């Protein structure tokens, strides 16, 4: 296997681990990480009632508790590092490890979508409309930024 392929595999593995671990950890919330951060910023101006805030907080805490912690992801990183530093390259082992990580990432994204669905059920029709409008504006800005970089 070519050296560049090995580097690409390692890089993609590290990228997957980073994206998974960016949402893991007990301290995640509206401080700028994870799904709570996005919703916290979007929730401003929605005029949520205290009951809605409590419901959403409970949903986020349940979601956070179900996500793997960073320490739980470290063995996979160590495994990948050991496989890359071995005397011979075990493609099957690397592939199995990366496929497992992709499954974990998929599971995380499904859980995140479920959280967003559950939060959406808490909102009134007017709040949903306001949130949808904000999301549309955010997407337009993101698209403009992407086009500006091109």
C-alpha atoms as a PDB file:
ATOM      1  CA  UNK A   1       0.000   0.000   0.000  1.00  0.00           C
ATOM      2  CA  UNK A   2       1.313   3.409  -0.899  1.00  0.00           C
ATOM      3  CA  UNK A   3       2.548   5.748   1.802  1.00  0.00           C
ATOM      4  CA  UNK A   4       0.047   8.431   0.737  1.00  0.00           C
ATOM      5  CA  UNK A   5      -2.842   5.989   1.141  1.00  0.00           C
ATOM      6  CA  UNK A   6      -1.741   5.165   4.675  1.00  0.00           C
ATOM      7  CA  UNK A   7      -1.502   8.865   5.490  1.00  0.00           C
ATOM      8  CA  UNK A   8      -4.955   9.463   4.021  1.00  0.00           C
ATOM      9  CA  UNK A   9      -6.414   6.625   6.102  1.00  0.00           C
ATOM     10  CA  UNK A  10      -4.806   7.912   9.272  1.00  0.00           C
ATOM     11  CA  UNK A  11      -5.940  11.450   8.564  1.00  0.00           C
ATOM     12  CA  UNK A  12      -9.521  10.368   7.875  1.00  0.00           C
ATOM     13  CA  UNK A  13      -9.488   8.327  11.084  1.00  0.00           C
ATOM     14  CA  UNK A  14      -8.265  11.268  13.096  1.00  0.00           C
ATOM     15  CA  UNK A  15     -10.841  13.493  11.434  1.00  0.00           C
ATOM     16  CA  UNK A  16     -13.612  11.060  12.341  1.00  0.00           C
ATOM     17  CA  UNK A  17     -12.369  10.866  15.926  1.00  0.00           C
ATOM     18  CA  UNK A  18     -12.240  14.623  16.182  1.00  0.00           C
ATOM     19  CA  UNK A  19     -15.768  15.022  14.903  1.00  0.00           C
ATOM     20  CA  UNK A  20     -17.070  12.376  17.301  1.00  0.00           C
ATOM     21  CA  UNK A  21     -15.185  13.708  20.284  1.00  0.00           C
ATOM     22  CA  UNK A  22     -16.192  17.290  19.592  1.00  0.00           C
ATOM     23  CA  UNK A  23     -19.648  16.407  20.831  1.00  0.00           C
ATOM     24  CA  UNK A  24     -18.583  14.037  23.565  1.00  0.00           C
ATOM     25  CA  UNK A  25     -17.794  15.027  27.094  1.00  0.00           C
ATOM     26  CA  UNK A  26     -19.684  16.051  30.169  1.00  0.00           C
ATOM     27  CA  UNK A  27     -19.022  19.760  29.827  1.00  0.00           C
ATOM     28  CA  UNK A  28     -20.719  20.251  26.489  1.00  0.00           C
ATOM     29  CA  UNK A  29     -23.537  22.691  26.343  1.00  0.00           C
ATOM     30  CA  UNK A  30     -24.170  26.218  25.279  1.00  0.00           C
ATOM     31  CA  UNK A  31     -20.525  27.196  25.799  1.00  0.00           C
ATOM     32  CA  UNK A  32     -19.936  26.759  22.077  1.00  0.00           C
ATOM     33  CA  UNK A  33     -19.883  23.005  21.499  1.00  0.00           C
ATOM     34  CA  UNK A  34     -22.379  20.379  20.526  1.00  0.00           C
ATOM     35  CA  UNK A  35     -26.039  20.533  19.677  1.00  0.00           C
ATOM     36  CA  UNK A  36     -26.858  22.584  22.743  1.00  0.00           C
ATOM     37  CA  UNK A  37     -24.650  25.390  21.470  1.00  0.00           C
ATOM     38  CA  UNK A  38     -26.512  25.619  18.183  1.00  0.00           C
ATOM     39  CA  UNK A  39     -29.903  25.519  19.791  1.00  0.00           C
ATOM     40  CA  UNK A  40     -28.939  27.972  22.519  1.00  0.00           C
ATOM     41  CA  UNK A  41     -27.986  30.509  19.896  1.00  0.00           C
ATOM     42  CA  UNK A  42     -31.111  29.806  17.830  1.00  0.00           C
ATOM     43  CA  UNK A  43     -33.409  29.910  20.871  1.00  0.00           C
ATOM     44  CA  UNK A  44     -32.662  33.530  21.629  1.00  0.00           C
ATOM     45  CA  UNK A  45     -35.665  35.581  20.672  1.00  0.00           C
ATOM     46  CA  UNK A  46     -38.044  32.624  20.499  1.00  0.00           C
ATOM     47  CA  UNK A  47     -39.679  33.732  23.744  1.00  0.00           C
ATOM     48  CA  UNK A  48     -39.566  30.288  25.325  1.00  0.00           C
ATOM     49  CA  UNK A  49     -41.617  29.774  28.452  1.00  0.00           C
ATOM     50  CA  UNK A  50     -39.922  28.523  31.597  1.00  0.00           C
ATOM     51  CA  UNK A  51     -41.637  25.160  31.089  1.00  0.00           C
ATOM     52  CA  UNK A  52     -40.230  24.936  27.556  1.00  0.00           C
ATOM     53  CA  UNK A  53     -36.768  25.879  28.771  1.00  0.00           C
ATOM     54  CA  UNK A  54     -36.952  23.181  31.447  1.00  0.00           C
ATOM     55  CA  UNK A  55     -38.142  20.570  28.950  1.00  0.00           C
ATOM     56  CA  UNK A  56     -35.388  21.432  26.492  1.00  0.00           C
ATOM     57  CA  UNK A  57     -32.768  21.443  29.234  1.00  0.00           C
ATOM     58  CA  UNK A  58     -33.900  17.968  30.313  1.00  0.00           C
ATOM     59  CA  UNK A  59     -33.774  16.694  26.717  1.00  0.00           C
ATOM     60  CA  UNK A  60     -30.259  18.044  26.264  1.00  0.00           C
ATOM     61  CA  UNK A  61     -29.064  16.543  29.535  1.00  0.00           C
ATOM     62  CA  UNK A  62     -30.464  13.149  28.539  1.00  0.00           C
ATOM     63  CA  UNK A  63     -28.778  13.431  25.151  1.00  0.00           C
ATOM     64  CA  UNK A  64     -25.479  14.460  26.696  1.00  0.00           C
ATOM     65  CA  UNK A  65     -25.600  11.541  29.148  1.00  0.00           C
ATOM     66  CA  UNK A  66     -26.086   9.061  26.310  1.00  0.00           C
ATOM     67  CA  UNK A  67     -23.093  10.279  24.296  1.00  0.00           C
ATOM     68  CA  UNK A  68     -19.669   8.659  24.718  1.00  0.00           C
ATOM     69  CA  UNK A  69     -17.146  10.572  26.786  1.00  0.00           C
ATOM     70  CA  UNK A  70     -13.735  11.484  25.408  1.00  0.00           C
ATOM     71  CA  UNK A  71     -12.034   8.932  27.619  1.00  0.00           C
ATOM     72  CA  UNK A  72     -14.159   6.213  26.041  1.00  0.00           C
ATOM     73  CA  UNK A  73     -12.838   7.152  22.594  1.00  0.00           C
ATOM     74  CA  UNK A  74      -9.135   7.127  23.484  1.00  0.00           C
ATOM     75  CA  UNK A  75      -8.652   3.341  23.131  1.00  0.00           C
ATOM     76  CA  UNK A  76      -9.680   3.578  19.483  1.00  0.00           C
ATOM     77  CA  UNK A  77      -7.134   6.324  18.882  1.00  0.00           C
ATOM     78  CA  UNK A  78      -4.459   4.219  20.550  1.00  0.00           C
ATOM     79  CA  UNK A  79      -5.457   1.209  18.427  1.00  0.00           C
ATOM     80  CA  UNK A  80      -5.193   3.214  15.239  1.00  0.00           C
ATOM     81  CA  UNK A  81      -1.853   4.635  16.296  1.00  0.00           C
ATOM     82  CA  UNK A  82      -0.535   1.136  17.052  1.00  0.00           C
ATOM     83  CA  UNK A  83      -1.756  -0.172  13.692  1.00  0.00           C
ATOM     84  CA  UNK A  84      -0.066   2.650  11.803  1.00  0.00           C
ATOM     85  CA  UNK A  85       3.203   2.236  13.702  1.00  0.00           C
ATOM     86  CA  UNK A  86       3.331  -1.562  13.334  1.00  0.00           C
ATOM     87  CA  UNK A  87       6.019  -3.282  11.273  1.00  0.00           C
ATOM     88  CA  UNK A  88       3.426  -4.471   8.761  1.00  0.00           C
ATOM     89  CA  UNK A  89       0.225  -2.803   7.691  1.00  0.00           C
ATOM     90  CA  UNK A  90      -2.939  -4.687   8.609  1.00  0.00           C
ATOM     91  CA  UNK A  91      -5.473  -3.204   6.232  1.00  0.00           C
ATOM     92  CA  UNK A  92      -8.293  -5.406   7.506  1.00  0.00           C
ATOM     93  CA  UNK A  93      -7.763  -4.242  11.093  1.00  0.00           C
ATOM     94  CA  UNK A  94      -7.557  -0.576  10.078  1.00  0.00           C
ATOM     95  CA  UNK A  95     -10.657  -0.949   7.922  1.00  0.00           C
ATOM     96  CA  UNK A  96     -12.587  -2.646  10.738  1.00  0.00           C
ATOM     97  CA  UNK A  97     -11.580   0.053  13.230  1.00  0.00           C
ATOM     98  CA  UNK A  98     -12.516   2.889  10.881  1.00  0.00           C
ATOM     99  CA  UNK A  99     -15.818   1.225   9.962  1.00  0.00           C
ATOM    100  CA  UNK A 100     -16.620   0.908  13.648  1.00  0.00           C
ATOM    101  CA  UNK A 101     -15.870   4.584  14.124  1.00  0.00           C
ATOM    102  CA  UNK A 102     -18.078   5.490  11.178  1.00  0.00           C
ATOM    103  CA  UNK A 103     -20.921   3.496  12.752  1.00  0.00           C
ATOM    104  CA  UNK A 104     -20.370   5.384  16.012  1.00  0.00           C
ATOM    105  CA  UNK A 105     -20.503   8.670  14.119  1.00  0.00           C
ATOM    106  CA  UNK A 106     -23.716   7.604  12.375  1.00  0.00           C
ATOM    107  CA  UNK A 107     -25.254   6.627  15.718  1.00  0.00           C
ATOM    108  CA  UNK A 108     -24.261  10.023  17.115  1.00  0.00           C
ATOM    109  CA  UNK A 109     -25.831  11.880  14.197  1.00  0.00           C
ATOM    110  CA  UNK A 110     -29.053   9.877  14.563  1.00  0.00           C
ATOM    111  CA  UNK A 111     -29.155  10.717  18.284  1.00  0.00           C
ATOM    112  CA  UNK A 112     -28.563  14.363  17.475  1.00  0.00           C
ATOM    113  CA  UNK A 113     -31.374  14.380  14.914  1.00  0.00           C
ATOM    114  CA  UNK A 114     -33.648  12.745  17.472  1.00  0.00           C
ATOM    115  CA  UNK A 115     -32.761  15.471  19.996  1.00  0.00           C
ATOM    116  CA  UNK A 116     -33.602  18.151  17.461  1.00  0.00           C
ATOM    117  CA  UNK A 117     -36.902  16.389  16.726  1.00  0.00           C
ATOM    118  CA  UNK A 118     -37.770  16.188  20.437  1.00  0.00           C
ATOM    119  CA  UNK A 119     -36.931  19.863  20.952  1.00  0.00           C
ATOM    120  CA  UNK A 120     -39.046  20.777  17.944  1.00  0.00           C
ATOM    121  CA  UNK A 121     -42.038  19.038  19.548  1.00  0.00           C
ATOM    122  CA  UNK A 122     -41.721  21.401  22.555  1.00  0.00           C
ATOM    123  CA  UNK A 123     -42.027  24.535  20.405  1.00  0.00           C
ATOM    124  CA  UNK A 124     -45.224  26.294  19.393  1.00  0.00           C
ATOM    125  CA  UNK A 125     -46.127  26.784  15.738  1.00  0.00           C
ATOM    126  CA  UNK A 126     -44.939  30.412  15.894  1.00  0.00           C
ATOM    127  CA  UNK A 127     -41.643  29.439  17.519  1.00  0.00           C
ATOM    128  CA  UNK A 128     -41.072  26.734  14.877  1.00  0.00           C
ATOM    129  CA  UNK A 129     -41.684  29.288  12.127  1.00  0.00           C
ATOM    130  CA  UNK A 130     -39.274  31.771  13.694  1.00  0.00           C
ATOM    131  CA  UNK A 131     -36.657  29.044  14.144  1.00  0.00           C
ATOM    132  CA  UNK A 132     -37.085  27.888  10.529  1.00  0.00           C
ATOM    133  CA  UNK A 133     -36.625  31.476   9.349  1.00  0.00           C
ATOM    134  CA  UNK A 134     -33.414  31.788  11.353  1.00  0.00           C
ATOM    135  CA  UNK A 135     -32.112  28.484  10.021  1.00  0.00           C
ATOM    136  CA  UNK A 136     -32.823  29.627   6.466  1.00  0.00           C
ATOM    137  CA  UNK A 137     -30.886  32.865   7.044  1.00  0.00           C
ATOM    138  CA  UNK A 138     -28.010  30.923   8.611  1.00  0.00           C
ATOM    139  CA  UNK A 139     -27.882  28.575   5.612  1.00  0.00           C
ATOM    140  CA  UNK A 140     -27.860  31.508   3.208  1.00  0.00           C
ATOM    141  CA  UNK A 141     -24.991  33.131   5.103  1.00  0.00           C
ATOM    142  CA  UNK A 142     -23.078  29.838   5.204  1.00  0.00           C
ATOM    143  CA  UNK A 143     -23.571  29.397   1.464  1.00  0.00           C
ATOM    144  CA  UNK A 144     -22.368  32.955   0.811  1.00  0.00           C
ATOM    145  CA  UNK A 145     -19.277  32.361   2.955  1.00  0.00           C
ATOM    146  CA  UNK A 146     -18.541  29.111   1.101  1.00  0.00           C
ATOM    147  CA  UNK A 147     -18.899  30.831  -2.264  1.00  0.00           C
ATOM    148  CA  UNK A 148     -16.653  33.678  -1.127  1.00  0.00           C
ATOM    149  CA  UNK A 149     -13.934  31.167  -0.234  1.00  0.00           C
ATOM    150  CA  UNK A 150     -14.151  29.493  -3.665  1.00  0.00           C
END
